[in-house]
Every structure is written in C-alpha cells, then in structure tokens.
C-alpha atoms as a PDB file:
ATOM      1  CA  UNK A   1     109.497  83.532  92.348  1.00  0.00           C
ATOM      2  CA  UNK A   2     107.007  85.789  90.547  1.00  0.00           C
ATOM      3  CA  UNK A   3     108.167  87.889  87.610  1.00  0.00           C
ATOM      4  CA  UNK A   4     106.596  91.204  86.663  1.00  0.00           C
ATOM      5  CA  UNK A   5     106.990  93.947  84.039  1.00  0.00           C
ATOM      6  CA  UNK A   6     109.586  96.547  85.020  1.00  0.00           C
ATOM      7  CA  UNK A   7     108.230  99.097  87.461  1.00  0.00           C
ATOM      8  CA  UNK A   8     106.065  96.734  89.507  1.00  0.00           C
ATOM      9  CA  UNK A   9     108.686  96.053  92.182  1.00  0.00           C
ATOM     10  CA  UNK A  10     110.229  99.465  92.747  1.00  0.00           C
ATOM     11  CA  UNK A  11     107.807 100.704  95.419  1.00  0.00           C
ATOM     12  CA  UNK A  12     107.254  97.394  97.202  1.00  0.00           C
ATOM     13  CA  UNK A  13     108.344  97.040 100.814  1.00  0.00           C
ATOM     14  CA  UNK A  14     110.618  94.088 100.042  1.00  0.00           C
ATOM     15  CA  UNK A  15     112.417  95.956  97.261  1.00  0.00           C
ATOM     16  CA  UNK A  16     112.900  99.110  99.334  1.00  0.00           C
ATOM     17  CA  UNK A  17     114.236  97.045 102.232  1.00  0.00           C
ATOM     18  CA  UNK A  18     116.865  95.460  99.964  1.00  0.00           C
ATOM     19  CA  UNK A  19     118.086  98.887  98.866  1.00  0.00           C
ATOM     20  CA  UNK A  20     118.380 100.546 102.267  1.00  0.00           C
ATOM     21  CA  UNK A  21     121.943  99.524 103.190  1.00  0.00           C
ATOM     22  CA  UNK A  22     125.115  97.845 101.857  1.00  0.00           C
ATOM     23  CA  UNK A  23     124.342  94.795 104.032  1.00  0.00           C
ATOM     24  CA  UNK A  24     120.828  94.456 102.585  1.00  0.00           C
ATOM     25  CA  UNK A  25     122.191  94.800  99.054  1.00  0.00           C
ATOM     26  CA  UNK A  26     124.801  92.102  99.772  1.00  0.00           C
ATOM     27  CA  UNK A  27     122.093  89.797 101.086  1.00  0.00           C
ATOM     28  CA  UNK A  28     120.088  90.330  97.869  1.00  0.00           C
ATOM     29  CA  UNK A  29     123.193  89.353  95.895  1.00  0.00           C
ATOM     30  CA  UNK A  30     123.586  86.131  97.894  1.00  0.00           C
ATOM     31  CA  UNK A  31     119.891  85.312  97.377  1.00  0.00           C
ATOM     32  CA  UNK A  32     120.080  86.077  93.629  1.00  0.00           C
ATOM     33  CA  UNK A  33     117.099  88.389  94.123  1.00  0.00           C
ATOM     34  CA  UNK A  34     115.839  90.618  91.319  1.00  0.00           C
ATOM     35  CA  UNK A  35     115.626  94.241  92.463  1.00  0.00           C
ATOM     36  CA  UNK A  36     114.530  97.519  90.879  1.00  0.00           C
ATOM     37  CA  UNK A  37     115.792 101.085  91.081  1.00  0.00           C
ATOM     38  CA  UNK A  38     115.445 104.186  88.938  1.00  0.00           C
ATOM     39  CA  UNK A  39     118.217 104.845  86.409  1.00  0.00           C
ATOM     40  CA  UNK A  40     119.443 108.394  86.959  1.00  0.00           C
ATOM     41  CA  UNK A  41     121.684 108.652  83.886  1.00  0.00           C
ATOM     42  CA  UNK A  42     123.344 106.877  80.973  1.00  0.00           C
ATOM     43  CA  UNK A  43     126.995 107.871  80.609  1.00  0.00           C
ATOM     44  CA  UNK A  44     128.930 108.409  77.379  1.00  0.00           C
ATOM     45  CA  UNK A  45     129.805 104.711  77.236  1.00  0.00           C
ATOM     46  CA  UNK A  46     126.131 103.793  77.553  1.00  0.00           C
ATOM     47  CA  UNK A  47     126.477 102.423  81.079  1.00  0.00           C
ATOM     48  CA  UNK A  48     123.358 102.935  83.207  1.00  0.00           C
ATOM     49  CA  UNK A  49     123.827 104.526  86.625  1.00  0.00           C
ATOM     50  CA  UNK A  50     121.512 104.102  89.611  1.00  0.00           C
ATOM     51  CA  UNK A  51     121.834 105.868  92.963  1.00  0.00           C
ATOM     52  CA  UNK A  52     121.038 103.965  96.168  1.00  0.00           C
ATOM     53  CA  UNK A  53     121.904 106.923  98.402  1.00  0.00           C
ATOM     54  CA  UNK A  54     124.608 105.088 100.328  1.00  0.00           C
ATOM     55  CA  UNK A  55     126.389 104.115  97.075  1.00  0.00           C
ATOM     56  CA  UNK A  56     125.945 104.083  93.348  1.00  0.00           C
ATOM     57  CA  UNK A  57     125.315 101.122  91.102  1.00  0.00           C
ATOM     58  CA  UNK A  58     126.422 100.656  87.532  1.00  0.00           C
ATOM     59  CA  UNK A  59     124.900  98.501  84.804  1.00  0.00           C
ATOM     60  CA  UNK A  60     127.643  98.158  82.158  1.00  0.00           C
ATOM     61  CA  UNK A  61     126.441  98.593  78.569  1.00  0.00           C
ATOM     62  CA  UNK A  62     126.711  94.885  77.696  1.00  0.00           C
ATOM     63  CA  UNK A  63     124.687  94.052  80.825  1.00  0.00           C
ATOM     64  CA  UNK A  64     121.947  96.528  79.879  1.00  0.00           C
ATOM     65  CA  UNK A  65     119.686  94.067  78.061  1.00  0.00           C
ATOM     66  CA  UNK A  66     119.584  90.664  76.405  1.00  0.00           C
ATOM     67  CA  UNK A  67     120.933  91.063  72.883  1.00  0.00           C
ATOM     68  CA  UNK A  68     123.141  94.133  73.431  1.00  0.00           C
ATOM     69  CA  UNK A  69     126.289  92.029  73.719  1.00  0.00           C
ATOM     70  CA  UNK A  70     125.423  90.087  70.553  1.00  0.00           C
ATOM     71  CA  UNK A  71     124.463  93.217  68.603  1.00  0.00           C
ATOM     72  CA  UNK A  72     120.853  92.089  68.154  1.00  0.00           C
ATOM     73  CA  UNK A  73     119.455  94.975  70.203  1.00  0.00           C
ATOM     74  CA  UNK A  74     120.219  98.658  69.681  1.00  0.00           C
ATOM     75  CA  UNK A  75     121.554 100.930  72.413  1.00  0.00           C
ATOM     76  CA  UNK A  76     118.261 102.834  72.482  1.00  0.00           C
ATOM     77  CA  UNK A  77     117.013  99.960  74.649  1.00  0.00           C
ATOM     78  CA  UNK A  78     119.466 101.206  77.298  1.00  0.00           C
ATOM     79  CA  UNK A  79     119.229 104.954  76.746  1.00  0.00           C
ATOM     80  CA  UNK A  80     115.429 104.879  76.963  1.00  0.00           C
ATOM     81  CA  UNK A  81     115.591 103.534  80.539  1.00  0.00           C
ATOM     82  CA  UNK A  82     116.940 106.803  81.969  1.00  0.00           C
ATOM     83  CA  UNK A  83     114.586 108.157  84.667  1.00  0.00           C
ATOM     84  CA  UNK A  84     112.670 104.876  84.590  1.00  0.00           C
ATOM     85  CA  UNK A  85     112.778 101.783  86.803  1.00  0.00           C
ATOM     86  CA  UNK A  86     115.300  99.126  85.806  1.00  0.00           C
ATOM     87  CA  UNK A  87     115.478  95.592  87.152  1.00  0.00           C
ATOM     88  CA  UNK A  88     118.807  93.970  87.932  1.00  0.00           C
ATOM     89  CA  UNK A  89     120.740  91.342  89.821  1.00  0.00           C
ATOM     90  CA  UNK A  90     123.632  92.462  92.001  1.00  0.00           C
ATOM     91  CA  UNK A  91     126.793  90.843  90.598  1.00  0.00           C
ATOM     92  CA  UNK A  92     129.628  92.271  92.694  1.00  0.00           C
ATOM     93  CA  UNK A  93     131.001  95.275  94.530  1.00  0.00           C
ATOM     94  CA  UNK A  94     133.959  97.110  93.003  1.00  0.00           C
ATOM     95  CA  UNK A  95     136.161  99.993  94.121  1.00  0.00           C
ATOM     96  CA  UNK A  96     136.891 102.877  91.751  1.00  0.00           C
ATOM     97  CA  UNK A  97     140.139 104.871  91.436  1.00  0.00           C
ATOM     98  CA  UNK A  98     139.077 107.170  94.253  1.00  0.00           C
ATOM     99  CA  UNK A  99     138.323 104.302  96.598  1.00  0.00           C
ATOM    100  CA  UNK A 100     134.533 104.547  96.400  1.00  0.00           C
ATOM    101  CA  UNK A 101     132.583 101.284  96.398  1.00  0.00           C
ATOM    102  CA  UNK A 102     130.165 100.775  93.513  1.00  0.00           C
ATOM    103  CA  UNK A 103     127.630  97.977  93.064  1.00  0.00           C
ATOM    104  CA  UNK A 104     128.094  96.092  89.795  1.00  0.00           C
ATOM    105  CA  UNK A 105     124.641  95.255  88.430  1.00  0.00           C
ATOM    106  CA  UNK A 106     123.217  93.288  85.503  1.00  0.00           C
ATOM    107  CA  UNK A 107     119.833  93.875  83.889  1.00  0.00           C
ATOM    108  CA  UNK A 108     120.660  91.210  81.302  1.00  0.00           C
ATOM    109  CA  UNK A 109     121.092  88.586  84.035  1.00  0.00           C
ATOM    110  CA  UNK A 110     117.701  89.497  85.522  1.00  0.00           C
ATOM    111  CA  UNK A 111     116.111  89.148  82.085  1.00  0.00           C
ATOM    112  CA  UNK A 112     117.783  85.774  81.516  1.00  0.00           C
ATOM    113  CA  UNK A 113     116.508  84.557  84.888  1.00  0.00           C
ATOM    114  CA  UNK A 114     112.990  85.708  83.943  1.00  0.00           C
ATOM    115  CA  UNK A 115     113.314  84.025  80.534  1.00  0.00           C
ATOM    116  CA  UNK A 116     114.497  80.705  81.957  1.00  0.00           C
ATOM    117  CA  UNK A 117     112.242  80.479  84.999  1.00  0.00           C
ATOM    118  CA  UNK A 118     109.054  82.089  83.688  1.00  0.00           C
ATOM    119  CA  UNK A 119     108.794  82.896  79.982  1.00  0.00           C
ATOM    120  CA  UNK A 120     110.158  79.544  78.779  1.00  0.00           C
ATOM    121  CA  UNK A 121     107.490  77.781  80.832  1.00  0.00           C
ATOM    122  CA  UNK A 122     104.596  79.647  79.197  1.00  0.00           C
ATOM    123  CA  UNK A 123     102.248  77.728  76.913  1.00  0.00           C
ATOM    124  CA  UNK A 124      99.944  78.988  74.184  1.00  0.00           C
ATOM    125  CA  UNK A 125      96.697  80.051  75.801  1.00  0.00           C
ATOM    126  CA  UNK A 126      98.352  81.249  79.016  1.00  0.00           C
ATOM    127  CA  UNK A 127      97.197  84.694  80.142  1.00  0.00           C
ATOM    128  CA  UNK A 128      99.939  87.074  81.291  1.00  0.00           C
ATOM    129  CA  UNK A 129     100.257  90.512  82.837  1.00  0.00           C
ATOM    130  CA  UNK A 130     101.981  93.053  80.624  1.00  0.00           C
ATOM    131  CA  UNK A 131     102.892  96.739  80.495  1.00  0.00           C
ATOM    132  CA  UNK A 132     102.828  98.802  77.290  1.00  0.00           C
ATOM    133  CA  UNK A 133     106.332 100.011  76.362  1.00  0.00           C
ATOM    134  CA  UNK A 134     105.891 101.500  72.886  1.00  0.00           C
ATOM    135  CA  UNK A 135     103.616 101.412  69.860  1.00  0.00           C
ATOM    136  CA  UNK A 136     104.048 101.131  66.115  1.00  0.00           C
ATOM    137  CA  UNK A 137     101.422 101.192  63.333  1.00  0.00           C
ATOM    138  CA  UNK A 138     101.694  97.384  63.074  1.00  0.00           C
ATOM    139  CA  UNK A 139     101.228  96.600  66.775  1.00  0.00           C
ATOM    140  CA  UNK A 140     102.002  97.302  70.405  1.00  0.00           C
ATOM    141  CA  UNK A 141     105.093  96.140  72.291  1.00  0.00           C
ATOM    142  CA  UNK A 142     104.622  95.096  75.896  1.00  0.00           C
ATOM    143  CA  UNK A 143     106.920  94.111  78.756  1.00  0.00           C
ATOM    144  CA  UNK A 144     105.926  90.663  80.045  1.00  0.00           C
ATOM    145  CA  UNK A 145     108.645  90.456  82.693  1.00  0.00           C
ATOM    146  CA  UNK A 146     111.887  92.235  83.623  1.00  0.00           C
ATOM    147  CA  UNK A 147     111.860  94.311  80.446  1.00  0.00           C
ATOM    148  CA  UNK A 148     111.506  91.299  78.111  1.00  0.00           C
ATOM    149  CA  UNK A 149     109.311  92.603  75.307  1.00  0.00           C
ATOM    150  CA  UNK A 150     106.626  90.829  73.243  1.00  0.00           C
ATOM    151  CA  UNK A 151     104.422  92.002  70.377  1.00  0.00           C
ATOM    152  CA  UNK A 152     100.651  92.175  70.092  1.00  0.00           C
ATOM    153  CA  UNK A 153      99.954  92.599  66.346  1.00  0.00           C
ATOM    154  CA  UNK A 154      97.379  95.310  65.559  1.00  0.00           C
ATOM    155  CA  UNK A 155      94.819  92.802  64.251  1.00  0.00           C
ATOM    156  CA  UNK A 156      95.016  90.905  67.558  1.00  0.00           C
ATOM    157  CA  UNK A 157      94.266  93.924  69.761  1.00  0.00           C
ATOM    158  CA  UNK A 158      90.473  93.851  69.349  1.00  0.00           C
ATOM    159  CA  UNK A 159      87.774  92.475  67.074  1.00  0.00           C
ATOM    160  CA  UNK A 160      86.878  95.992  65.981  1.00  0.00           C
ATOM    161  CA  UNK A 161      89.695  97.117  63.690  1.00  0.00           C
ATOM    162  CA  UNK A 162      91.718 100.231  64.477  1.00  0.00           C
ATOM    163  CA  UNK A 163      94.214 102.365  62.559  1.00  0.00           C
ATOM    164  CA  UNK A 164      96.843 102.546  65.314  1.00  0.00           C
ATOM    165  CA  UNK A 165      97.361 100.926  68.757  1.00  0.00           C
ATOM    166  CA  UNK A 166      97.231 104.371  70.419  1.00  0.00           C
ATOM    167  CA  UNK A 167      93.450 104.196  69.952  1.00  0.00           C
ATOM    168  CA  UNK A 168      93.409 101.416  72.570  1.00  0.00           C
ATOM    169  CA  UNK A 169      96.521 101.862  74.705  1.00  0.00           C
ATOM    170  CA  UNK A 170      98.932 104.387  76.165  1.00  0.00           C
ATOM    171  CA  UNK A 171     102.570 103.867  77.127  1.00  0.00           C
ATOM    172  CA  UNK A 172     102.848 102.591  80.691  1.00  0.00           C
ATOM    173  CA  UNK A 173      99.344 101.078  80.732  1.00  0.00           C
ATOM    174  CA  UNK A 174      99.039  97.744  82.524  1.00  0.00           C
ATOM    175  CA  UNK A 175      97.094  95.205  80.496  1.00  0.00           C
ATOM    176  CA  UNK A 176      96.587  91.461  80.154  1.00  0.00           C
ATOM    177  CA  UNK A 177      97.283  89.356  77.082  1.00  0.00           C
ATOM    178  CA  UNK A 178      97.181  85.726  75.991  1.00  0.00           C
ATOM    179  CA  UNK A 179     100.098  83.784  74.518  1.00  0.00           C
ATOM    180  CA  UNK A 180      99.291  83.179  70.842  1.00  0.00           C
ATOM    181  CA  UNK A 181     102.547  81.535  69.765  1.00  0.00           C
ATOM    182  CA  UNK A 182     106.127  80.824  70.832  1.00  0.00           C
ATOM    183  CA  UNK A 183     109.118  80.510  68.538  1.00  0.00           C
ATOM    184  CA  UNK A 184     112.476  79.961  70.217  1.00  0.00           C
ATOM    185  CA  UNK A 185     112.616  82.745  72.833  1.00  0.00           C
ATOM    186  CA  UNK A 186     110.089  84.968  71.027  1.00  0.00           C
ATOM    187  CA  UNK A 187     106.538  85.165  72.370  1.00  0.00           C
ATOM    188  CA  UNK A 188     103.692  86.640  70.319  1.00  0.00           C
ATOM    189  CA  UNK A 189     100.579  87.717  72.170  1.00  0.00           C
ATOM    190  CA  UNK A 190      96.932  88.367  71.459  1.00  0.00           C
ATOM    191  CA  UNK A 191      94.473  90.590  73.317  1.00  0.00           C
ATOM    192  CA  UNK A 192      91.033  90.465  71.693  1.00  0.00           C
ATOM    193  CA  UNK A 193      90.144  87.089  73.225  1.00  0.00           C
ATOM    194  CA  UNK A 194      90.031  88.695  76.680  1.00  0.00           C
ATOM    195  CA  UNK A 195      87.552  91.408  75.664  1.00  0.00           C
ATOM    196  CA  UNK A 196      84.468  89.216  75.555  1.00  0.00           C
ATOM    197  CA  UNK A 197      82.401  87.317  73.004  1.00  0.00           C
ATOM    198  CA  UNK A 198      79.883  88.879  70.625  1.00  0.00           C
ATOM    199  CA  UNK A 199      77.100  87.773  72.966  1.00  0.00           C
ATOM    200  CA  UNK A 200      78.765  89.127  76.109  1.00  0.00           C
ATOM    201  CA  UNK A 201      79.275  92.526  74.497  1.00  0.00           C
ATOM    202  CA  UNK A 202      75.852  92.652  72.844  1.00  0.00           C
ATOM    203  CA  UNK A 203      74.200  91.973  76.231  1.00  0.00           C
ATOM    204  CA  UNK A 204      75.103  95.542  77.205  1.00  0.00           C
ATOM    205  CA  UNK A 205      72.720  96.946  74.565  1.00  0.00           C
ATOM    206  CA  UNK A 206      69.021  96.735  73.680  1.00  0.00           C
ATOM    207  CA  UNK A 207      66.960  97.668  70.610  1.00  0.00           C
ATOM    208  CA  UNK A 208      65.457 101.145  70.946  1.00  0.00           C
ATOM    209  CA  UNK A 209      68.440 102.600  72.804  1.00  0.00           C
ATOM    210  CA  UNK A 210      70.531 105.482  71.470  1.00  0.00           C
ATOM    211  CA  UNK A 211      74.176 105.025  72.412  1.00  0.00           C
ATOM    212  CA  UNK A 212      77.611 106.379  71.587  1.00  0.00           C
ATOM    213  CA  UNK A 213      80.028 104.781  69.141  1.00  0.00           C
ATOM    214  CA  UNK A 214      83.012 105.409  66.904  1.00  0.00           C
ATOM    215  CA  UNK A 215      82.884 105.275  63.119  1.00  0.00           C
ATOM    216  CA  UNK A 216      85.546 102.764  62.091  1.00  0.00           C
ATOM    217  CA  UNK A 217      85.060 102.239  58.350  1.00  0.00           C
ATOM    218  CA  UNK A 218      82.801 103.338  55.523  1.00  0.00           C
ATOM    219  CA  UNK A 219      81.972 100.743  52.883  1.00  0.00           C
ATOM    220  CA  UNK A 220      79.687 100.830  49.851  1.00  0.00           C
ATOM    221  CA  UNK A 221      77.121  98.726  51.714  1.00  0.00           C
ATOM    222  CA  UNK A 222      77.239 100.509  55.072  1.00  0.00           C
ATOM    223  CA  UNK A 223      79.104 102.169  57.905  1.00  0.00           C
ATOM    224  CA  UNK A 224      80.735 100.125  60.650  1.00  0.00           C
ATOM    225  CA  UNK A 225      80.281 101.779  64.043  1.00  0.00           C
ATOM    226  CA  UNK A 226      82.210 100.442  67.028  1.00  0.00           C
ATOM    227  CA  UNK A 227      80.101 100.091  70.167  1.00  0.00           C
ATOM    228  CA  UNK A 228      82.805  98.360  72.213  1.00  0.00           C
ATOM    229  CA  UNK A 229      86.315  97.194  71.226  1.00  0.00           C
ATOM    230  CA  UNK A 230      84.887  93.734  70.459  1.00  0.00           C
ATOM    231  CA  UNK A 231      81.557  94.780  68.973  1.00  0.00           C
ATOM    232  CA  UNK A 232      80.541  96.824  65.927  1.00  0.00           C
ATOM    233  CA  UNK A 233      77.213  97.463  64.249  1.00  0.00           C
ATOM    234  CA  UNK A 234      76.275  98.387  60.696  1.00  0.00           C
ATOM    235  CA  UNK A 235      74.472 101.586  59.714  1.00  0.00           C
ATOM    236  CA  UNK A 236      73.361 102.955  56.366  1.00  0.00           C
ATOM    237  CA  UNK A 237      75.779 105.221  54.517  1.00  0.00           C
ATOM    238  CA  UNK A 238      75.229 108.952  54.948  1.00  0.00           C
ATOM    239  CA  UNK A 239      77.079 112.051  53.803  1.00  0.00           C
ATOM    240  CA  UNK A 240      79.684 114.096  55.661  1.00  0.00           C
ATOM    241  CA  UNK A 241      80.997 111.377  57.944  1.00  0.00           C
ATOM    242  CA  UNK A 242      84.514 110.006  58.260  1.00  0.00           C
ATOM    243  CA  UNK A 243      86.351 107.241  60.141  1.00  0.00           C
ATOM    244  CA  UNK A 244      87.378 108.193  63.666  1.00  0.00           C
ATOM    245  CA  UNK A 245      84.369 110.411  64.327  1.00  0.00           C
ATOM    246  CA  UNK A 246      82.248 109.955  67.416  1.00  0.00           C
ATOM    247  CA  UNK A 247      78.670 109.015  66.652  1.00  0.00           C
ATOM    248  CA  UNK A 248      75.285 108.836  68.338  1.00  0.00           C
ATOM    249  CA  UNK A 249      73.489 105.755  67.015  1.00  0.00           C
ATOM    250  CA  UNK A 250      70.012 104.324  67.434  1.00  0.00           C
ATOM    251  CA  UNK A 251      69.950 100.532  67.860  1.00  0.00           C
ATOM    252  CA  UNK A 252      67.356  99.263  65.390  1.00  0.00           C
ATOM    253  CA  UNK A 253      67.838  95.542  65.885  1.00  0.00           C
ATOM    254  CA  UNK A 254      70.160  92.926  67.413  1.00  0.00           C
ATOM    255  CA  UNK A 255      70.398  89.664  65.468  1.00  0.00           C
ATOM    256  CA  UNK A 256      72.486  86.957  67.203  1.00  0.00           C
ATOM    257  CA  UNK A 257      71.792  84.378  64.461  1.00  0.00           C
ATOM    258  CA  UNK A 258      73.443  86.673  61.918  1.00  0.00           C
ATOM    259  CA  UNK A 259      75.867  88.189  64.412  1.00  0.00           C
ATOM    260  CA  UNK A 260      74.694  91.659  63.384  1.00  0.00           C
ATOM    261  CA  UNK A 261      73.547  94.858  65.041  1.00  0.00           C
ATOM    262  CA  UNK A 262      71.584  97.235  62.829  1.00  0.00           C
ATOM    263  CA  UNK A 263      72.077 100.902  63.601  1.00  0.00           C
ATOM    264  CA  UNK A 264      70.843 104.308  62.499  1.00  0.00           C
ATOM    265  CA  UNK A 265      73.316 107.170  62.767  1.00  0.00           C
ATOM    266  CA  UNK A 266      71.672 110.097  64.568  1.00  0.00           C
ATOM    267  CA  UNK A 267      74.627 112.464  64.644  1.00  0.00           C
ATOM    268  CA  UNK A 268      78.396 112.562  64.277  1.00  0.00           C
ATOM    269  CA  UNK A 269      81.008 114.940  65.636  1.00  0.00           C
ATOM    270  CA  UNK A 270      84.756 115.404  65.859  1.00  0.00           C
ATOM    271  CA  UNK A 271      86.546 115.399  69.212  1.00  0.00           C
ATOM    272  CA  UNK A 272      90.128 115.711  70.373  1.00  0.00           C
ATOM    273  CA  UNK A 273      91.676 112.272  70.973  1.00  0.00           C
ATOM    274  CA  UNK A 274      91.468 111.283  74.638  1.00  0.00           C
ATOM    275  CA  UNK A 275      93.835 109.080  76.576  1.00  0.00           C
ATOM    276  CA  UNK A 276      92.445 105.533  76.215  1.00  0.00           C
ATOM    277  CA  UNK A 277      90.761 104.019  79.251  1.00  0.00           C
ATOM    278  CA  UNK A 278      92.136 100.732  80.606  1.00  0.00           C
ATOM    279  CA  UNK A 279      90.569  97.724  78.841  1.00  0.00           C
ATOM    280  CA  UNK A 280      87.532  96.009  80.335  1.00  0.00           C
ATOM    281  CA  UNK A 281      88.194  92.282  80.489  1.00  0.00           C
ATOM    282  CA  UNK A 282      85.548  89.568  80.407  1.00  0.00           C
ATOM    283  CA  UNK A 283      87.974  86.680  80.886  1.00  0.00           C
ATOM    284  CA  UNK A 284      89.732  86.605  84.261  1.00  0.00           C
ATOM    285  CA  UNK A 285      91.326  83.144  84.259  1.00  0.00           C
ATOM    286  CA  UNK A 286      94.970  82.220  83.746  1.00  0.00           C
ATOM    287  CA  UNK A 287      94.584  79.970  80.679  1.00  0.00           C
ATOM    288  CA  UNK A 288      92.219  79.407  77.751  1.00  0.00           C
ATOM    289  CA  UNK A 289      92.262  76.559  75.240  1.00  0.00           C
ATOM    290  CA  UNK A 290      89.738  78.144  72.902  1.00  0.00           C
ATOM    291  CA  UNK A 291      87.881  81.423  72.471  1.00  0.00           C
ATOM    292  CA  UNK A 292      84.568  81.218  70.619  1.00  0.00           C
ATOM    293  CA  UNK A 293      83.510  84.717  69.616  1.00  0.00           C
ATOM    294  CA  UNK A 294      80.333  83.857  67.693  1.00  0.00           C
ATOM    295  CA  UNK A 295      76.981  83.090  69.403  1.00  0.00           C
ATOM    296  CA  UNK A 296      75.860  79.462  69.479  1.00  0.00           C
ATOM    297  CA  UNK A 297      72.929  80.191  67.124  1.00  0.00           C
ATOM    298  CA  UNK A 298      75.039  82.139  64.649  1.00  0.00           C
ATOM    299  CA  UNK A 299      75.363  81.053  61.039  1.00  0.00           C
ATOM    300  CA  UNK A 300      79.069  81.868  61.291  1.00  0.00           C
ATOM    301  CA  UNK A 301      81.612  80.199  63.570  1.00  0.00           C
ATOM    302  CA  UNK A 302      84.382  82.540  64.700  1.00  0.00           C
ATOM    303  CA  UNK A 303      86.924  81.152  67.161  1.00  0.00           C
ATOM    304  CA  UNK A 304      90.570  81.168  68.201  1.00  0.00           C
ATOM    305  CA  UNK A 305      92.155  77.855  69.178  1.00  0.00           C
ATOM    306  CA  UNK A 306      95.320  77.914  71.240  1.00  0.00           C
ATOM    307  CA  UNK A 307      97.251  74.854  70.194  1.00  0.00           C
ATOM    308  CA  UNK A 308     100.875  73.996  70.973  1.00  0.00           C
ATOM    309  CA  UNK A 309     102.926  73.602  67.805  1.00  0.00           C
END
C-alpha cells in the first residue's frame, strides 16, 4: 500500500467509491483501508465529525492523532483539521441515543499503520513526497504520510540562506525532501540536496548577462545576491540597499575553481512579497547516498553524505 500526505486521497476514484454507501464503508473496514474525508466540525469535546451524506462519522479526541492520548500532542492538532481532509480507518459502527448509526473512525490508527508500514522502513537518503503544514522561523513542518509530520530545519531548505521558510514555501505546497536522520519515530528531512549542484545551477547563466536576483546578506567584503535557491553570487558593496530587495545584476565572471560568481549590481527595488513558486528539482530519483555540491575542479569540497547511524 502507498502512503501519502493528507489530502492526496480525498478526490481519488477509489476513495470516493468507498464513501458512497454503508456497504462500501463496511468493506473498507474489513480491508483495513485508509480513507479520507473532510472534517466538518470539532465538537466541544474535541471529537472530529465528518459527514458521508448517508451517515456521519466521528473521530473521538483520543483517536485524533498519535500522541493525543499520551499528552505529547496538543489539541490544536485536532482543531486545525476542521474543513480539511482527514485520513482514518473505520473501526466500528455505533448507534446513538436516537437510533442513528454513526461510523466510529480513527485517524491515530491510520497514522500508526503509516508509521509501521512506511515511515519505519525509510532509510537516510530516501527521497519522499511531502506537503507543507506550517512554518516557524527555525524550519518548515511537512506531512510525509497520513498527517505524520517531520521537520526541515531552515538551514537545510536551500544553499542560499533565508530569514524564514515562507520565502521558499507556502502552506499546502507539495514538495519533495530527503531523509537526513531518524531517531526513534522522529524523521528529520533536508531539501537543498534536491535543488541541484553549484555546477548545475551555474549552467543556467553566462558572463555578460544581466539577470534578476535577491539580495540575501550584506557583508563588509561584499553583497551576496541569490540567483537561484542553491546559487548566490558576490557583488561589491553599494549604498541604499538592504536584504530582501530584488536586484538586477550583471554577471562579470563565473569561476568554477573558486565556486564563485562575480556580479555588479545594476539596480535594486522593493516589491510586495509574492507567493513562492513550487521548487525546481534537479534530482528525480528515490534515493541518494551522497550529494556533492561543489564542482570537481573547485578548491573547496562541499558535500552531504547520507549514512545510517
């Protein structure tokens, strides 16, 4: 069985077919099949309610997520799912005081199934699909399957440094990431290794061109201008510029042996922040043992090795 971030199944034919009748829902329960539906409300006891049309389903609070029962996860993990897709396994059918049949569902059980059958089998260097759930100044949290969340630290998002993950991602964006480490059931991810080497990014530019960039930092010895998320060049310091500004830069020279791009700033300007575009990936495989960022002729050797601990 394939496991996906929450929201991937809800509009599939197979999922819709399993939610079209009581008989189909019962069959999904017998097959232990993970389904998805939209949570329409969270009641005062923090139970999630879904509506199938022919009946309602309830995800009791303690079945809302791994860790709720143990007190390791706050109830916001449940409340925040209202009006969003939730995955679940059908556990039973119960009758309320008025005789109405309700499907008893468990999101926690779906997450445990995903953990045991998919996440626990991941190795460092494996590339996974993920969906951005929320962002903090220190990194971005992503769903890697059935609402199980992993962290991409901010310094692992791209080679070019950023102030906040919102400069690269938006909530709900589908991305890819590589497993950097595993500790017990916690998976930490990286992203920059999928965005191409210095050489792959530099191949998009030539000396003599004037291109757009983003000013990332201003140092005493120069201004770092991002050309792509994994490539920055260095320009001379000039007045009245600040990090975050858009810039037009002239490419003076490209030096693979020194892993440097020399730039001249032509102009800078302020713009309203735009919604980030989906990342452009250079690596499309399912596993990497090593990522060598630096060119072969470079004086520096910059690499990430994915080694099982």
